[in-house]
Amino acid sequence: MTQQLNGKYISLIWSKGMHKRKYLIVGNWKMNGTLESLNEIVKIDEASAQLDSDLVLCVPNTIIYEASKKITNTKLLIGAQNCHQEENGAFTGDISATMLKNVGAKMIIVGHSERRLECAETSNLVEKKASASIRMGLPAIICIGETEEQKIKGETETVVCSQLEDSMPDASNDLNTIIAYEPVWAIGTGKVPTLEDISHVHRRIRNVLKEEKGKDISQKMRILYGGSVKPENAKEIFSLEHVDGALVGGASLKADDFINIAKQA
């Protein structure tokens, strides 16, 4: 399907009716949220019953248990933002996938750019964390994305594909793994790649998945876009062929904003 955008016809947009993968909207609360924030989760839970998309809120570990108890609809799950690669041991201050599952987490983000950059997490470590999550029956959301410097140098495709290949476990499939493409320079900045750029990267990711996992699994795996997703731009982004939802940061902290983004899917 073609659509006119900014005076030009491009074949990036496709009909919602053609989209065979169910949209997934994930909220990453990062280091925000206390027990008082449960009211926003309740609002999102109530609204989720009217939506066609799957929803996940990855909240701080301190409120996972209480948040899980508030959920009444199967369309909303509570997830975590990170896990240790080992199940247990002398790792002071760390949390394992086993522990997260025990308190109600249903999914885990691994390899977020903030951890890759600020905590020096390598793709090899991310792969181990994703494997730990999958072993516990918790789908892993594997984050990949280039920095602004890498984008300027024209290294986006190389960086993204390399991170994907090195971060994805052999055990990954469409049921236990979600890929989230987040250009680092777009996270929380208000900057958003062009639709053409998002489409190109997501198509390339799909091709890598096909090479790594085969055609059948690659066509079923969901690829999310993240980076300054808002109610105002979500509809166009979700209309791109290989975009299967979003990883939402700040806009997920408020029920109204998060639900308005989900409605666009």
C-alpha atoms as a PDB file:
ATOM      1  CA  MET A   1       0.000   0.000   0.000  1.00  0.00           C
ATOM      2  CA  THR A   2       1.243   3.514  -0.768  1.00  0.00           C
ATOM      3  CA  GLN A   3       0.455   6.706   1.037  1.00  0.00           C
ATOM      4  CA  GLN A   4       1.343  10.334   0.487  1.00  0.00           C
ATOM      5  CA  LEU A   5       3.621  11.696   3.215  1.00  0.00           C
ATOM      6  CA  ASN A   6       5.218  15.134   2.998  1.00  0.00           C
ATOM      7  CA  GLY A   7       4.263  15.382  -0.656  1.00  0.00           C
ATOM      8  CA  LYS A   8       5.823  12.047  -1.659  1.00  0.00           C
ATOM      9  CA  TYR A   9       4.326   8.636  -2.229  1.00  0.00           C
ATOM     10  CA  ILE A  10       6.159   5.892  -0.443  1.00  0.00           C
ATOM     11  CA  SER A  11       5.405   2.199  -0.179  1.00  0.00           C
ATOM     12  CA  LEU A  12       6.233   1.942   3.515  1.00  0.00           C
ATOM     13  CA  ILE A  13       2.700   1.944   4.847  1.00  0.00           C
ATOM     14  CA  TRP A  14       0.458  -1.069   4.959  1.00  0.00           C
ATOM     15  CA  SER A  15      -3.087  -1.688   5.976  1.00  0.00           C
ATOM     16  CA  LYS A  16      -3.848  -2.712   9.557  1.00  0.00           C
ATOM     17  CA  GLY A  17      -5.862  -5.536   8.094  1.00  0.00           C
ATOM     18  CA  MET A  18      -2.685  -6.948   6.546  1.00  0.00           C
ATOM     19  CA  HIS A  19      -0.812  -6.986   9.853  1.00  0.00           C
ATOM     20  CA  LYS A  20      -0.635 -10.596  11.030  1.00  0.00           C
ATOM     21  CA  ARG A  21       1.475 -10.092  14.171  1.00  0.00           C
ATOM     22  CA  LYS A  22      -0.421  -8.798  17.182  1.00  0.00           C
ATOM     23  CA  TYR A  23       0.779  -5.390  18.287  1.00  0.00           C
ATOM     24  CA  LEU A  24       2.688  -5.205  21.558  1.00  0.00           C
ATOM     25  CA  ILE A  25       3.043  -1.950  23.484  1.00  0.00           C
ATOM     26  CA  VAL A  26       5.646  -2.040  26.251  1.00  0.00           C
ATOM     27  CA  GLY A  27       6.100   0.680  28.831  1.00  0.00           C
ATOM     28  CA  ASN A  28       9.539   1.067  30.407  1.00  0.00           C
ATOM     29  CA  TRP A  29       9.210   3.038  33.620  1.00  0.00           C
ATOM     30  CA  LYS A  30      12.976   3.052  34.214  1.00  0.00           C
ATOM     31  CA  MET A  31      13.873   4.375  37.705  1.00  0.00           C
ATOM     32  CA  ASN A  32      10.468   5.934  38.244  1.00  0.00           C
ATOM     33  CA  GLY A  33       7.477   4.813  40.251  1.00  0.00           C
ATOM     34  CA  THR A  34       6.549   4.010  43.840  1.00  0.00           C
ATOM     35  CA  LEU A  35       3.540   2.355  45.442  1.00  0.00           C
ATOM     36  CA  GLU A  36       1.638   5.592  44.865  1.00  0.00           C
ATOM     37  CA  SER A  37       2.068   4.995  41.126  1.00  0.00           C
ATOM     38  CA  LEU A  38      -0.147   1.916  41.239  1.00  0.00           C
ATOM     39  CA  ASN A  39      -3.124   4.158  40.493  1.00  0.00           C
ATOM     40  CA  GLU A  40      -1.798   4.702  36.965  1.00  0.00           C
ATOM     41  CA  ILE A  41      -1.413   0.946  36.516  1.00  0.00           C
ATOM     42  CA  VAL A  42      -5.001   0.392  37.622  1.00  0.00           C
ATOM     43  CA  LYS A  43      -6.185   2.906  35.010  1.00  0.00           C
ATOM     44  CA  ILE A  44      -4.169   1.190  32.288  1.00  0.00           C
ATOM     45  CA  ASP A  45      -5.478  -2.200  33.382  1.00  0.00           C
ATOM     46  CA  GLU A  46      -9.081  -1.008  33.182  1.00  0.00           C
ATOM     47  CA  ALA A  47      -8.573   0.492  29.728  1.00  0.00           C
ATOM     48  CA  SER A  48      -6.709  -2.541  28.374  1.00  0.00           C
ATOM     49  CA  ALA A  49      -9.909  -4.570  28.139  1.00  0.00           C
ATOM     50  CA  GLN A  50     -11.046  -2.347  25.268  1.00  0.00           C
ATOM     51  CA  LEU A  51      -7.812  -2.590  23.276  1.00  0.00           C
ATOM     52  CA  ASP A  52      -6.731  -5.101  20.641  1.00  0.00           C
ATOM     53  CA  SER A  53      -3.031  -4.874  21.503  1.00  0.00           C
ATOM     54  CA  ASP A  54      -0.970  -6.723  24.106  1.00  0.00           C
ATOM     55  CA  LEU A  55       0.350  -4.401  26.828  1.00  0.00           C
ATOM     56  CA  VAL A  56       3.300  -4.748  29.190  1.00  0.00           C
ATOM     57  CA  LEU A  57       4.511  -2.376  31.892  1.00  0.00           C
ATOM     58  CA  CYS A  58       8.115  -2.952  32.952  1.00  0.00           C
ATOM     59  CA  VAL A  59       8.203  -1.283  36.341  1.00  0.00           C
ATOM     60  CA  PRO A  60      10.840  -1.015  39.095  1.00  0.00           C
ATOM     61  CA  ASN A  61      11.462  -4.269  40.975  1.00  0.00           C
ATOM     62  CA  THR A  62      10.159  -2.659  44.168  1.00  0.00           C
ATOM     63  CA  ILE A  63       6.568  -2.552  42.905  1.00  0.00           C
ATOM     64  CA  ILE A  64       6.377  -5.621  40.630  1.00  0.00           C
ATOM     65  CA  TYR A  65       4.579  -7.722  43.239  1.00  0.00           C
ATOM     66  CA  GLU A  66       1.998  -5.103  44.166  1.00  0.00           C
ATOM     67  CA  ALA A  67       1.470  -4.135  40.527  1.00  0.00           C
ATOM     68  CA  SER A  68       0.886  -7.761  39.548  1.00  0.00           C
ATOM     69  CA  LYS A  69      -1.832  -8.080  42.177  1.00  0.00           C
ATOM     70  CA  LYS A  70      -3.685  -5.120  40.656  1.00  0.00           C
ATOM     71  CA  ILE A  71      -4.007  -6.674  37.196  1.00  0.00           C
ATOM     72  CA  THR A  72      -7.461  -7.975  36.274  1.00  0.00           C
ATOM     73  CA  ASN A  73      -7.201  -8.234  32.469  1.00  0.00           C
ATOM     74  CA  THR A  74      -5.078 -10.731  30.554  1.00  0.00           C
ATOM     75  CA  LYS A  75      -4.103  -8.100  27.985  1.00  0.00           C
ATOM     76  CA  LEU A  76      -1.810  -6.324  30.480  1.00  0.00           C
ATOM     77  CA  LEU A  77       1.289  -7.931  31.966  1.00  0.00           C
ATOM     78  CA  ILE A  78       3.854  -6.638  34.427  1.00  0.00           C
ATOM     79  CA  GLY A  79       7.495  -7.000  33.483  1.00  0.00           C
ATOM     80  CA  ALA A  80      10.975  -6.168  34.746  1.00  0.00           C
ATOM     81  CA  GLN A  81      13.712  -3.976  33.286  1.00  0.00           C
ATOM     82  CA  ASN A  82      16.760  -6.171  33.773  1.00  0.00           C
ATOM     83  CA  CYS A  83      17.970  -9.400  35.353  1.00  0.00           C
ATOM     84  CA  HIS A  84      21.220 -11.088  36.317  1.00  0.00           C
ATOM     85  CA  GLN A  85      22.513 -13.818  34.036  1.00  0.00           C
ATOM     86  CA  GLU A  86      22.779 -16.349  36.870  1.00  0.00           C
ATOM     87  CA  GLU A  87      19.890 -17.902  38.805  1.00  0.00           C
ATOM     88  CA  ASN A  88      21.473 -17.303  42.218  1.00  0.00           C
ATOM     89  CA  GLY A  89      24.803 -16.754  43.948  1.00  0.00           C
ATOM     90  CA  ALA A  90      27.070 -14.168  45.532  1.00  0.00           C
ATOM     91  CA  PHE A  91      25.927 -11.200  43.443  1.00  0.00           C
ATOM     92  CA  THR A  92      25.129  -8.499  45.982  1.00  0.00           C
ATOM     93  CA  GLY A  93      22.361  -6.165  44.864  1.00  0.00           C
ATOM     94  CA  ASP A  94      21.432  -8.133  41.743  1.00  0.00           C
ATOM     95  CA  ILE A  95      18.106  -9.774  40.913  1.00  0.00           C
ATOM     96  CA  SER A  96      17.729 -13.037  39.023  1.00  0.00           C
ATOM     97  CA  ALA A  97      15.022 -14.008  36.540  1.00  0.00           C
ATOM     98  CA  THR A  98      13.971 -16.646  39.065  1.00  0.00           C
ATOM     99  CA  MET A  99      13.320 -13.965  41.685  1.00  0.00           C
ATOM    100  CA  LEU A 100      11.506 -11.720  39.245  1.00  0.00           C
ATOM    101  CA  LYS A 101       9.214 -14.532  38.182  1.00  0.00           C
ATOM    102  CA  ASN A 102       8.567 -15.309  41.842  1.00  0.00           C
ATOM    103  CA  VAL A 103       7.161 -11.818  42.476  1.00  0.00           C
ATOM    104  CA  GLY A 104       4.995 -11.716  39.350  1.00  0.00           C
ATOM    105  CA  ALA A 105       7.110 -10.522  36.421  1.00  0.00           C
ATOM    106  CA  LYS A 106       5.969 -12.001  33.094  1.00  0.00           C
ATOM    107  CA  MET A 107       8.610 -10.518  30.788  1.00  0.00           C
ATOM    108  CA  ILE A 108      12.074  -8.948  31.093  1.00  0.00           C
ATOM    109  CA  ILE A 109      13.827  -6.189  29.152  1.00  0.00           C
ATOM    110  CA  VAL A 110      17.498  -6.931  28.520  1.00  0.00           C
ATOM    111  CA  GLY A 111      20.203  -4.904  26.823  1.00  0.00           C
ATOM    112  CA  HIS A 112      18.591  -1.497  27.069  1.00  0.00           C
ATOM    113  CA  SER A 113      20.966   1.145  25.707  1.00  0.00           C
ATOM    114  CA  GLU A 114      21.224   2.812  29.109  1.00  0.00           C
ATOM    115  CA  ARG A 115      22.665  -0.400  30.513  1.00  0.00           C
ATOM    116  CA  ARG A 116      24.855  -1.015  27.471  1.00  0.00           C
ATOM    117  CA  LEU A 117      26.319   2.478  27.806  1.00  0.00           C
ATOM    118  CA  GLU A 118      26.255   3.274  31.536  1.00  0.00           C
ATOM    119  CA  CYS A 119      26.883  -0.247  32.836  1.00  0.00           C
ATOM    120  CA  ALA A 120      29.151  -1.359  29.970  1.00  0.00           C
ATOM    121  CA  GLU A 121      26.947  -4.349  29.163  1.00  0.00           C
ATOM    122  CA  THR A 122      28.166  -6.195  26.084  1.00  0.00           C
ATOM    123  CA  SER A 123      26.001  -8.085  23.614  1.00  0.00           C
ATOM    124  CA  ASN A 124      27.537 -11.290  24.960  1.00  0.00           C
ATOM    125  CA  LEU A 125      26.264 -10.452  28.445  1.00  0.00           C
ATOM    126  CA  VAL A 126      22.879  -9.448  27.046  1.00  0.00           C
ATOM    127  CA  GLU A 127      22.632 -12.860  25.364  1.00  0.00           C
ATOM    128  CA  LYS A 128      23.274 -14.561  28.710  1.00  0.00           C
ATOM    129  CA  LYS A 129      20.607 -12.444  30.410  1.00  0.00           C
ATOM    130  CA  ALA A 130      18.110 -13.168  27.637  1.00  0.00           C
ATOM    131  CA  SER A 131      18.890 -16.870  27.994  1.00  0.00           C
ATOM    132  CA  ALA A 132      18.311 -16.689  31.750  1.00  0.00           C
ATOM    133  CA  SER A 133      14.951 -15.026  31.196  1.00  0.00           C
ATOM    134  CA  ILE A 134      13.894 -17.562  28.584  1.00  0.00           C
ATOM    135  CA  ARG A 135      14.934 -20.488  30.796  1.00  0.00           C
ATOM    136  CA  MET A 136      12.521 -19.224  33.432  1.00  0.00           C
ATOM    137  CA  GLY A 137       9.689 -19.046  30.915  1.00  0.00           C
ATOM    138  CA  LEU A 138       9.793 -15.249  30.755  1.00  0.00           C
ATOM    139  CA  PRO A 139       9.959 -13.763  27.243  1.00  0.00           C
ATOM    140  CA  ALA A 140      12.947 -11.473  26.757  1.00  0.00           C
ATOM    141  CA  ILE A 141      12.700  -8.058  25.122  1.00  0.00           C
ATOM    142  CA  ILE A 142      16.139  -7.605  23.557  1.00  0.00           C
ATOM    143  CA  CYS A 143      17.051  -3.971  22.901  1.00  0.00           C
ATOM    144  CA  ILE A 144      19.360  -2.886  20.087  1.00  0.00           C
ATOM    145  CA  GLY A 145      20.205   0.506  18.613  1.00  0.00           C
ATOM    146  CA  GLU A 146      22.907   2.868  17.440  1.00  0.00           C
ATOM    147  CA  THR A 147      24.304   6.022  19.064  1.00  0.00           C
ATOM    148  CA  GLU A 148      24.191   9.412  17.374  1.00  0.00           C
ATOM    149  CA  GLU A 149      27.896   9.184  16.564  1.00  0.00           C
ATOM    150  CA  GLN A 150      27.388   5.799  14.919  1.00  0.00           C
ATOM    151  CA  LYS A 151      24.449   7.149  12.944  1.00  0.00           C
ATOM    152  CA  ILE A 152      26.486  10.107  11.673  1.00  0.00           C
ATOM    153  CA  LYS A 153      29.230   7.721  10.562  1.00  0.00           C
ATOM    154  CA  GLY A 154      26.688   5.685   8.623  1.00  0.00           C
ATOM    155  CA  GLU A 155      27.120   2.652  10.880  1.00  0.00           C
ATOM    156  CA  THR A 156      23.479   2.167  11.884  1.00  0.00           C
ATOM    157  CA  GLU A 157      22.853  -1.026   9.938  1.00  0.00           C
ATOM    158  CA  THR A 158      26.183  -2.595  10.922  1.00  0.00           C
ATOM    159  CA  VAL A 159      25.734  -1.821  14.621  1.00  0.00           C
ATOM    160  CA  VAL A 160      22.109  -2.918  14.810  1.00  0.00           C
ATOM    161  CA  CYS A 161      22.658  -6.189  12.960  1.00  0.00           C
ATOM    162  CA  SER A 162      25.771  -7.010  14.979  1.00  0.00           C
ATOM    163  CA  GLN A 163      23.992  -6.363  18.281  1.00  0.00           C
ATOM    164  CA  LEU A 164      21.056  -8.493  17.173  1.00  0.00           C
ATOM    165  CA  GLU A 165      23.191 -11.439  16.088  1.00  0.00           C
ATOM    166  CA  ASP A 166      25.321 -11.356  19.259  1.00  0.00           C
ATOM    167  CA  SER A 167      22.501 -10.678  21.751  1.00  0.00           C
ATOM    168  CA  MET A 168      19.931 -13.224  20.617  1.00  0.00           C
ATOM    169  CA  PRO A 169      20.151 -16.692  22.205  1.00  0.00           C
ATOM    170  CA  ASP A 170      20.008 -19.863  20.148  1.00  0.00           C
ATOM    171  CA  ALA A 171      16.809 -20.682  22.037  1.00  0.00           C
ATOM    172  CA  SER A 172      15.056 -17.540  20.827  1.00  0.00           C
ATOM    173  CA  ASN A 173      11.847 -17.906  18.863  1.00  0.00           C
ATOM    174  CA  ASP A 174       8.656 -15.983  18.232  1.00  0.00           C
ATOM    175  CA  LEU A 175       7.139 -17.094  21.541  1.00  0.00           C
ATOM    176  CA  ASN A 176       9.985 -16.166  23.890  1.00  0.00           C
ATOM    177  CA  THR A 177      11.765 -13.234  22.252  1.00  0.00           C
ATOM    178  CA  ILE A 178      10.800  -9.713  21.184  1.00  0.00           C
ATOM    179  CA  ILE A 179      13.251  -7.371  19.486  1.00  0.00           C
ATOM    180  CA  ALA A 180      13.139  -3.655  20.300  1.00  0.00           C
ATOM    181  CA  TYR A 181      14.958  -1.237  18.012  1.00  0.00           C
ATOM    182  CA  GLU A 182      15.730   1.989  19.865  1.00  0.00           C
ATOM    183  CA  PRO A 183      18.081   4.487  18.267  1.00  0.00           C
ATOM    184  CA  VAL A 184      19.981   5.751  21.309  1.00  0.00           C
ATOM    185  CA  TRP A 185      19.924   9.330  20.065  1.00  0.00           C
ATOM    186  CA  ALA A 186      16.107   9.299  19.935  1.00  0.00           C
ATOM    187  CA  ILE A 187      15.474   8.089  23.501  1.00  0.00           C
ATOM    188  CA  GLY A 188      13.920  10.874  25.549  1.00  0.00           C
ATOM    189  CA  THR A 189      15.167  13.559  23.178  1.00  0.00           C
ATOM    190  CA  GLY A 190      12.063  14.193  21.114  1.00  0.00           C
ATOM    191  CA  LYS A 191      14.052  13.296  18.002  1.00  0.00           C
ATOM    192  CA  VAL A 192      12.524  10.602  15.809  1.00  0.00           C
ATOM    193  CA  PRO A 193      14.022   8.953  12.707  1.00  0.00           C
ATOM    194  CA  THR A 194      12.159   9.421   9.457  1.00  0.00           C
ATOM    195  CA  LEU A 195       9.565   6.809   8.574  1.00  0.00           C
ATOM    196  CA  GLU A 196      11.872   5.696   5.777  1.00  0.00           C
ATOM    197  CA  ASP A 197      14.729   5.165   8.240  1.00  0.00           C
ATOM    198  CA  ILE A 198      12.581   3.233  10.718  1.00  0.00           C
ATOM    199  CA  SER A 199      11.190   1.071   7.925  1.00  0.00           C
ATOM    200  CA  HIS A 200      14.645   0.368   6.510  1.00  0.00           C
ATOM    201  CA  VAL A 201      16.126  -0.713   9.860  1.00  0.00           C
ATOM    202  CA  HIS A 202      13.129  -2.867  10.783  1.00  0.00           C
ATOM    203  CA  ARG A 203      13.209  -4.556   7.381  1.00  0.00           C
ATOM    204  CA  ARG A 204      16.911  -5.273   7.851  1.00  0.00           C
ATOM    205  CA  ILE A 205      16.223  -6.706  11.316  1.00  0.00           C
ATOM    206  CA  ARG A 206      13.553  -8.951   9.825  1.00  0.00           C
ATOM    207  CA  ASN A 207      16.056 -10.190   7.260  1.00  0.00           C
ATOM    208  CA  VAL A 208      18.605 -11.005   9.968  1.00  0.00           C
ATOM    209  CA  LEU A 209      15.936 -12.892  11.889  1.00  0.00           C
ATOM    210  CA  LYS A 210      15.179 -14.851   8.728  1.00  0.00           C
ATOM    211  CA  GLU A 211      18.858 -15.715   8.321  1.00  0.00           C
ATOM    212  CA  GLU A 212      19.193 -16.720  11.978  1.00  0.00           C
ATOM    213  CA  LYS A 213      15.832 -18.350  12.688  1.00  0.00           C
ATOM    214  CA  GLY A 214      14.291 -19.242   9.357  1.00  0.00           C
ATOM    215  CA  LYS A 215      11.373 -17.753   7.465  1.00  0.00           C
ATOM    216  CA  ASP A 216       8.533 -19.083   9.625  1.00  0.00           C
ATOM    217  CA  ILE A 217       9.854 -17.860  12.986  1.00  0.00           C
ATOM    218  CA  SER A 218      11.154 -14.584  11.556  1.00  0.00           C
ATOM    219  CA  GLN A 219       7.726 -13.681  10.201  1.00  0.00           C
ATOM    220  CA  LYS A 220       6.137 -14.288  13.598  1.00  0.00           C
ATOM    221  CA  MET A 221       8.674 -12.503  15.811  1.00  0.00           C
ATOM    222  CA  ARG A 222       7.632  -9.041  16.882  1.00  0.00           C
ATOM    223  CA  ILE A 223       9.916  -6.058  16.327  1.00  0.00           C
ATOM    224  CA  LEU A 224       9.138  -2.964  18.381  1.00  0.00           C
ATOM    225  CA  TYR A 225      10.253   0.597  17.747  1.00  0.00           C
ATOM    226  CA  GLY A 226      11.345   2.784  20.655  1.00  0.00           C
ATOM    227  CA  GLY A 227      12.564   6.353  20.953  1.00  0.00           C
ATOM    228  CA  SER A 228      10.317   9.354  21.637  1.00  0.00           C
ATOM    229  CA  VAL A 229       7.109   7.508  20.761  1.00  0.00           C
ATOM    230  CA  LYS A 230       4.101   9.704  21.545  1.00  0.00           C
ATOM    231  CA  PRO A 231       0.358   9.632  20.858  1.00  0.00           C
ATOM    232  CA  GLU A 232       0.997  12.190  18.104  1.00  0.00           C
ATOM    233  CA  ASN A 233       3.436  10.070  16.075  1.00  0.00           C
ATOM    234  CA  ALA A 234       2.453   6.527  17.040  1.00  0.00           C
ATOM    235  CA  LYS A 235      -0.114   5.954  14.298  1.00  0.00           C
ATOM    236  CA  GLU A 236       2.312   6.582  11.441  1.00  0.00           C
ATOM    237  CA  ILE A 237       5.026   4.509  13.083  1.00  0.00           C
ATOM    238  CA  PHE A 238       2.670   1.584  13.716  1.00  0.00           C
ATOM    239  CA  SER A 239       1.575   1.681  10.083  1.00  0.00           C
ATOM    240  CA  LEU A 240       5.037   0.636   8.895  1.00  0.00           C
ATOM    241  CA  GLU A 241       5.156  -2.944   7.666  1.00  0.00           C
ATOM    242  CA  HIS A 242       7.726  -4.401  10.052  1.00  0.00           C
ATOM    243  CA  VAL A 243       6.825  -2.373  13.142  1.00  0.00           C
ATOM    244  CA  ASP A 244       4.837  -4.533  15.558  1.00  0.00           C
ATOM    245  CA  GLY A 245       4.470  -2.136  18.456  1.00  0.00           C
ATOM    246  CA  ALA A 246       6.523   0.158  20.638  1.00  0.00           C
ATOM    247  CA  LEU A 247       8.837   0.335  23.615  1.00  0.00           C
ATOM    248  CA  VAL A 248       7.653   3.493  25.337  1.00  0.00           C
ATOM    249  CA  GLY A 249       9.623   5.414  27.940  1.00  0.00           C
ATOM    250  CA  GLY A 250       8.377   8.576  29.627  1.00  0.00           C
ATOM    251  CA  ALA A 251       4.973   8.487  27.957  1.00  0.00           C
ATOM    252  CA  SER A 252       4.199   5.199  29.717  1.00  0.00           C
ATOM    253  CA  LEU A 253       4.269   6.786  33.170  1.00  0.00           C
ATOM    254  CA  LYS A 254       0.871   8.382  32.643  1.00  0.00           C
ATOM    255  CA  ALA A 255      -2.083   6.141  31.922  1.00  0.00           C
ATOM    256  CA  ASP A 256      -3.706   8.545  29.457  1.00  0.00           C
ATOM    257  CA  ASP A 257      -0.572   8.905  27.317  1.00  0.00           C
ATOM    258  CA  PHE A 258       0.192   5.188  27.318  1.00  0.00           C
ATOM    259  CA  ILE A 259      -3.358   4.198  26.442  1.00  0.00           C
ATOM    260  CA  ASN A 260      -3.546   6.826  23.700  1.00  0.00           C
ATOM    261  CA  ILE A 261      -0.401   5.329  22.158  1.00  0.00           C
ATOM    262  CA  ALA A 262      -1.854   1.830  22.395  1.00  0.00           C
ATOM    263  CA  LYS A 263      -5.069   2.969  20.728  1.00  0.00           C
ATOM    264  CA  GLN A 264      -3.096   3.958  17.623  1.00  0.00           C
ATOM    265  CA  ALA A 265      -2.220   0.298  17.098  1.00  0.00           C
END
